[in-house]
Amino acid sequence: MNKSVHAQILYLANLLVLPGISFVLLALQYRALVWKPRKDAAKSKSSKIRDVLDLNLDDVKDLKKRRVIETSVSQQELDQSHTRVAFLLSMIGGLSVIGGCSTIYLLMEHSTHAWPMIIVYFTIMHTSFVLWGMVNLAQAMSSRLPFFKFF
């Protein structure tokens, strides 16, 4: 199993099975694959890490051309991009779910409608992040770039 699939599995495990342990393992993988090579490249300045998430594939309408561009990406770059997307989606997901639920609770001020709204908000946000993870896992399994690269 390659590291891009491993990162997406850890992302889904963080959401569904083992939230704390999976996040720590994902953070360690992020540190090893994304953080350390960037620090080393910044020190040497001779080797440049190509950021595959900067590839703009939205303008490419032909699927054959898109696949040619995606196959030019090395496995290490693919692993880095999937690990970064999985880690950052975990951070954004955790902050938005906890922050949104806390905001609803504080704004409702002991209202009887607070908890149903919190449950609905949590369910919608959690489900959307799980679906994002499933789509990115399918992309990782087919050795393609991740979706939702808004970072």
Protein backbone atom coordinates (compact mmCIF):
# COMPACT_ATOMS: atom_id res chain seq x y z
CA MET A 1 0.00 0.00 0.00
CA ASN A 2 1.45 3.35 -0.96
CA LYS A 3 1.61 6.31 1.38
CA SER A 4 -1.10 8.32 -0.36
CA VAL A 5 -3.65 5.55 0.28
CA HIS A 6 -2.31 5.24 3.82
CA ALA A 7 -2.86 8.96 4.43
CA GLN A 8 -6.44 8.83 3.18
CA ILE A 9 -7.16 5.73 5.28
CA LEU A 10 -5.80 7.52 8.35
CA TYR A 11 -8.00 10.52 7.52
CA LEU A 12 -11.12 8.33 7.37
CA ALA A 13 -10.08 6.44 10.50
CA ASN A 14 -9.68 9.80 12.23
CA LEU A 15 -13.29 10.59 11.39
CA LEU A 16 -14.88 7.21 11.90
CA VAL A 17 -12.94 4.82 14.13
CA LEU A 18 -10.05 6.17 16.23
CA PRO A 19 -10.07 9.97 16.25
CA GLY A 20 -7.06 10.74 18.44
CA ILE A 21 -4.68 7.96 17.49
CA SER A 22 -5.30 8.27 13.76
CA PHE A 23 -4.76 12.02 13.84
CA VAL A 24 -1.41 11.60 15.60
CA LEU A 25 -0.32 9.00 13.03
CA LEU A 26 -1.46 11.28 10.21
CA ALA A 27 0.44 14.20 11.74
CA LEU A 28 3.59 12.06 11.97
CA GLN A 29 3.22 11.05 8.33
CA TYR A 30 2.68 14.71 7.39
CA ARG A 31 5.84 15.65 9.27
CA ALA A 32 7.89 12.94 7.56
CA LEU A 33 6.60 13.43 4.01
CA VAL A 34 5.73 17.12 3.75
CA TRP A 35 7.25 19.15 6.57
CA LYS A 36 10.81 17.76 6.70
CA PRO A 37 11.48 17.78 2.93
CA ARG A 38 10.38 21.42 2.78
CA LYS A 39 12.71 22.39 5.60
CA ASP A 40 15.59 20.51 3.95
CA ALA A 41 14.86 22.14 0.59
CA ALA A 42 14.77 25.57 2.21
CA LYS A 43 18.21 24.96 3.74
CA SER A 44 19.86 23.74 0.56
CA LYS A 45 17.97 25.98 -1.91
CA SER A 46 19.32 23.86 -4.76
CA SER A 47 16.64 21.22 -4.75
CA LYS A 48 13.16 22.49 -5.35
CA ILE A 49 10.14 20.47 -4.34
CA ARG A 50 7.47 20.62 -6.99
CA ASP A 51 4.07 21.37 -5.55
CA VAL A 52 1.63 19.21 -7.46
CA LEU A 53 -1.35 20.87 -5.86
CA ASP A 54 -0.47 23.99 -7.87
CA LEU A 55 -1.28 22.15 -11.10
CA ASN A 56 -4.43 23.74 -12.44
CA LEU A 57 -6.38 20.87 -13.93
CA ASP A 58 -9.72 22.64 -13.84
CA ASP A 59 -9.14 24.20 -17.26
CA VAL A 60 -8.35 20.84 -18.88
CA LYS A 61 -11.62 19.56 -20.37
CA ASP A 62 -10.21 16.58 -22.24
CA LEU A 63 -9.90 13.59 -19.92
CA LYS A 64 -6.97 12.14 -21.88
CA LYS A 65 -4.95 15.34 -21.47
CA ARG A 66 -5.82 15.43 -17.77
CA ARG A 67 -4.64 11.85 -17.31
CA VAL A 68 -1.36 12.61 -19.15
CA ILE A 69 -0.71 15.50 -16.78
CA GLU A 70 -1.56 13.37 -13.76
CA THR A 71 0.74 10.53 -14.86
CA SER A 72 3.67 12.94 -15.07
CA VAL A 73 3.53 13.33 -11.29
CA SER A 74 5.95 11.12 -9.38
CA GLN A 75 4.80 8.80 -6.60
CA GLN A 76 6.58 10.87 -3.95
CA GLU A 77 4.79 14.03 -5.11
CA LEU A 78 1.50 12.17 -5.13
CA ASP A 79 2.13 10.89 -1.59
CA GLN A 80 2.97 14.40 -0.41
CA SER A 81 -0.13 15.93 -1.94
CA HIS A 82 -2.49 13.31 -0.51
CA THR A 83 -0.87 13.52 2.92
CA ARG A 84 -1.12 17.30 2.94
CA VAL A 85 -4.76 17.31 1.84
CA ALA A 86 -5.68 14.65 4.41
CA PHE A 87 -3.91 16.47 7.25
CA LEU A 88 -5.30 19.89 6.39
CA LEU A 89 -8.82 18.56 5.89
CA SER A 90 -8.55 16.96 9.34
CA MET A 91 -7.55 20.29 10.83
CA ILE A 92 -10.24 22.24 8.99
CA GLY A 93 -12.87 19.62 9.77
CA GLY A 94 -12.06 19.53 13.46
CA LEU A 95 -12.02 23.29 13.78
CA SER A 96 -15.23 23.80 11.82
CA VAL A 97 -17.17 21.10 13.68
CA ILE A 98 -16.00 22.11 17.16
CA GLY A 99 -16.19 25.82 16.41
CA GLY A 100 -19.60 25.59 14.75
CA CYS A 101 -21.13 23.49 17.52
CA SER A 102 -19.69 25.80 20.17
CA THR A 103 -20.96 28.87 18.35
CA ILE A 104 -24.47 27.45 18.05
CA TYR A 105 -24.47 26.53 21.74
CA LEU A 106 -23.26 29.97 22.84
CA LEU A 107 -25.63 31.86 20.55
CA MET A 108 -28.72 29.89 21.55
CA GLU A 109 -28.22 30.54 25.31
CA HIS A 110 -30.05 27.66 26.98
CA SER A 111 -32.74 27.43 24.33
CA THR A 112 -34.59 24.16 23.86
CA HIS A 113 -33.69 24.24 20.17
CA ALA A 114 -29.94 24.38 20.71
CA TRP A 115 -29.20 20.67 20.92
CA PRO A 116 -31.23 19.61 17.87
CA MET A 117 -29.49 22.32 15.84
CA ILE A 118 -26.09 21.18 17.12
CA ILE A 119 -26.88 17.56 16.23
CA VAL A 120 -28.03 18.51 12.72
CA TYR A 121 -24.98 20.75 12.17
CA PHE A 122 -22.58 18.08 13.44
CA THR A 123 -24.19 15.38 11.29
CA ILE A 124 -24.08 17.46 8.11
CA MET A 125 -20.48 18.62 8.60
CA HIS A 126 -19.22 15.20 9.65
CA THR A 127 -20.91 13.48 6.72
CA SER A 128 -19.51 15.97 4.23
CA PHE A 129 -15.95 15.48 5.49
CA VAL A 130 -16.39 11.68 5.37
CA LEU A 131 -17.56 11.93 1.75
CA TRP A 132 -14.58 14.12 0.88
CA GLY A 133 -12.34 11.47 2.41
CA MET A 134 -13.99 8.69 0.44
CA VAL A 135 -13.56 10.56 -2.84
CA ASN A 136 -9.91 11.31 -2.06
CA LEU A 137 -9.34 7.68 -1.06
CA ALA A 138 -10.67 6.59 -4.45
CA GLN A 139 -8.35 9.13 -6.09
CA ALA A 140 -5.38 7.83 -4.09
CA MET A 141 -6.17 4.21 -4.97
CA SER A 142 -6.18 5.08 -8.67
CA SER A 143 -2.93 7.10 -8.35
CA ARG A 144 -4.58 10.39 -9.20
CA LEU A 145 -4.33 13.80 -7.59
CA PRO A 146 -6.67 14.56 -4.69
CA PHE A 147 -9.77 16.65 -5.09
CA PHE A 148 -10.60 19.64 -2.91
CA LYS A 149 -7.17 21.20 -3.18
CA PHE A 150 -8.14 24.61 -1.92
CA PHE A 151 -4.94 25.11 0.09
